[in-house]
């Protein structure tokens, strides 16, 4: 397909690799992503700032749970994967802006009314 890849098993392994390479896109099994606690996803330097493409051998895109797709830039169903559509999704995800909006670490002040 003409793309450069590296592999990691789990977030800890991915965190080590990120020190060596800065990925444009993360490709990860959907079931692994769906079982990650949302806090871990949001606080992980790699997943929170890099477009994630979910892949699956068993689930079709229409089977994804809506609450699970937050942060997922695309989806590839591996049994029917074709090069041209896959590259289109990967290039679109990699072309996304390289910034993220962070929420303030402190809660807003409340206003007292008399």
Foldseek 3Di string as FASTA:
>chain_A
DPDDDDDADDLVRVVVCCVVPPDLEAEEALVVQQPDDPVCQCPRPNQVQHAYEHEYQPDDPVPDDPVSCVSHQYYYHPVPDDDPVVVVSVVVRSPDDRDDDDDDPDDDDDDDDD
